[in-house]
Amino acid sequence: MKKIFLAAAITLIIAGTSFPQNEPMFLNNEIIVEVNMKERNPLKPINEVCPIEGKKIDHKIPLLIFDNKIIGFCCNACIEVFNNDPQAYLKKFKGDAS
């Protein structure tokens, strides 16, 4: 019985490490971004004010990841406006980004 258990454990370990770890994962055609929870650093947006209304961003509103940049907004309506024409608002981040 111990030999069967040991063989099963070794098989699971080998199977778990044999999958490629560097390929991006997708969910509903969107890339899943891995977050290192050991760092315990919150994701911070590149902006302090909403690119649509110019108000201070609300940290209770979900952040948007667009073009590898994390963007904060003052309300959910501004996220919808941004998604309709993001290139018009990305110009506001030229000095803030990177």
Protein backbone atom coordinates (compact mmCIF):
# COMPACT_ATOMS: atom_id res chain seq x y z
CA MET A 1 0.00 0.00 0.00
CA LYS A 2 2.86 2.39 0.82
CA LYS A 3 4.43 1.73 -2.59
CA ILE A 4 1.16 2.63 -4.36
CA PHE A 5 0.84 5.82 -2.36
CA LEU A 6 4.46 6.77 -3.03
CA ALA A 7 4.09 6.07 -6.76
CA ALA A 8 0.90 8.17 -6.90
CA ALA A 9 2.57 11.06 -5.03
CA ILE A 10 5.60 11.03 -7.35
CA THR A 11 3.32 10.94 -10.41
CA LEU A 12 1.35 13.96 -9.16
CA ILE A 13 4.53 15.91 -8.45
CA ILE A 14 5.95 15.18 -11.90
CA ALA A 15 2.64 16.00 -13.61
CA GLY A 16 2.33 19.29 -11.70
CA THR A 17 5.79 20.50 -12.68
CA SER A 18 5.68 19.41 -16.31
CA PHE A 19 3.15 22.02 -17.49
CA PRO A 20 4.59 25.17 -19.07
CA GLN A 21 4.55 28.01 -16.55
CA ASN A 22 5.38 30.98 -18.77
CA GLU A 23 2.48 30.94 -21.23
CA PRO A 24 -0.26 33.51 -20.58
CA MET A 25 -3.57 32.21 -19.33
CA PHE A 26 -6.83 33.48 -20.79
CA LEU A 27 -10.38 33.79 -19.44
CA ASN A 28 -13.11 35.05 -21.78
CA ASN A 29 -10.42 36.16 -24.29
CA GLU A 30 -8.70 38.34 -21.64
CA ILE A 31 -5.24 37.67 -20.22
CA ILE A 32 -5.20 36.68 -16.57
CA VAL A 33 -2.59 38.75 -14.73
CA GLU A 34 -0.76 36.93 -11.93
CA VAL A 35 -0.30 38.86 -8.70
CA ASN A 36 2.47 37.96 -6.28
CA MET A 37 0.60 37.88 -2.98
CA LYS A 38 3.84 37.54 -1.00
CA GLU A 39 4.78 41.11 -1.90
CA ARG A 40 1.57 42.39 -0.29
CA ASN A 41 1.79 45.58 -2.32
CA PRO A 42 -1.55 46.80 -3.62
CA LEU A 43 -1.85 47.52 -7.29
CA LYS A 44 -1.53 51.26 -7.71
CA PRO A 45 -3.00 53.21 -10.61
CA ILE A 46 -0.80 55.49 -12.70
CA ASN A 47 -3.14 58.42 -12.06
CA GLU A 48 -4.41 60.35 -9.05
CA VAL A 49 -7.31 62.04 -10.84
CA CYS A 50 -9.97 60.58 -13.13
CA PRO A 51 -9.01 61.03 -16.81
CA ILE A 52 -12.66 61.70 -17.70
CA GLU A 53 -13.95 64.15 -15.08
CA GLY A 54 -10.72 65.32 -13.44
CA LYS A 55 -11.96 64.39 -9.95
CA LYS A 56 -9.89 62.45 -7.42
CA ILE A 57 -10.08 58.71 -8.12
CA ASP A 58 -12.28 56.58 -5.85
CA HIS A 59 -10.35 53.55 -4.56
CA LYS A 60 -13.64 51.69 -4.06
CA ILE A 61 -14.18 51.67 -7.85
CA PRO A 62 -12.50 48.72 -9.65
CA LEU A 63 -9.25 49.56 -11.41
CA LEU A 64 -8.94 49.08 -15.15
CA ILE A 65 -5.87 47.51 -16.74
CA PHE A 66 -5.43 48.92 -20.23
CA ASP A 67 -2.29 48.73 -22.37
CA ASN A 68 -0.35 47.31 -19.37
CA LYS A 69 -1.27 50.38 -17.30
CA ILE A 70 -3.47 50.36 -14.20
CA ILE A 71 -5.95 53.23 -14.37
CA GLY A 72 -8.24 54.53 -11.61
CA PHE A 73 -11.55 56.33 -12.07
CA CYS A 74 -13.93 58.39 -9.93
CA CYS A 75 -17.04 56.33 -10.86
CA ASN A 76 -18.18 53.35 -12.92
CA ALA A 77 -19.68 55.63 -15.58
CA CYS A 78 -16.23 57.01 -16.35
CA ILE A 79 -14.93 53.49 -16.99
CA GLU A 80 -17.62 53.04 -19.64
CA VAL A 81 -16.75 56.39 -21.24
CA PHE A 82 -13.07 55.48 -21.27
CA ASN A 83 -13.78 52.08 -22.86
CA ASN A 84 -15.71 53.76 -25.69
CA ASP A 85 -12.66 55.78 -26.83
CA PRO A 86 -9.54 54.97 -24.77
CA GLN A 87 -7.07 56.59 -27.18
CA ALA A 88 -8.64 60.00 -26.55
CA TYR A 89 -7.90 59.71 -22.83
CA LEU A 90 -4.52 57.93 -22.96
CA LYS A 91 -2.94 61.23 -24.05
CA LYS A 92 -3.56 62.52 -20.52
CA PHE A 93 -1.16 59.89 -19.13
CA LYS A 94 1.88 60.66 -21.30
CA GLY A 95 3.75 62.28 -18.40
CA ASP A 96 2.40 59.97 -15.68
CA ALA A 97 2.87 56.53 -17.29
CA SER A 98 5.79 54.09 -17.05
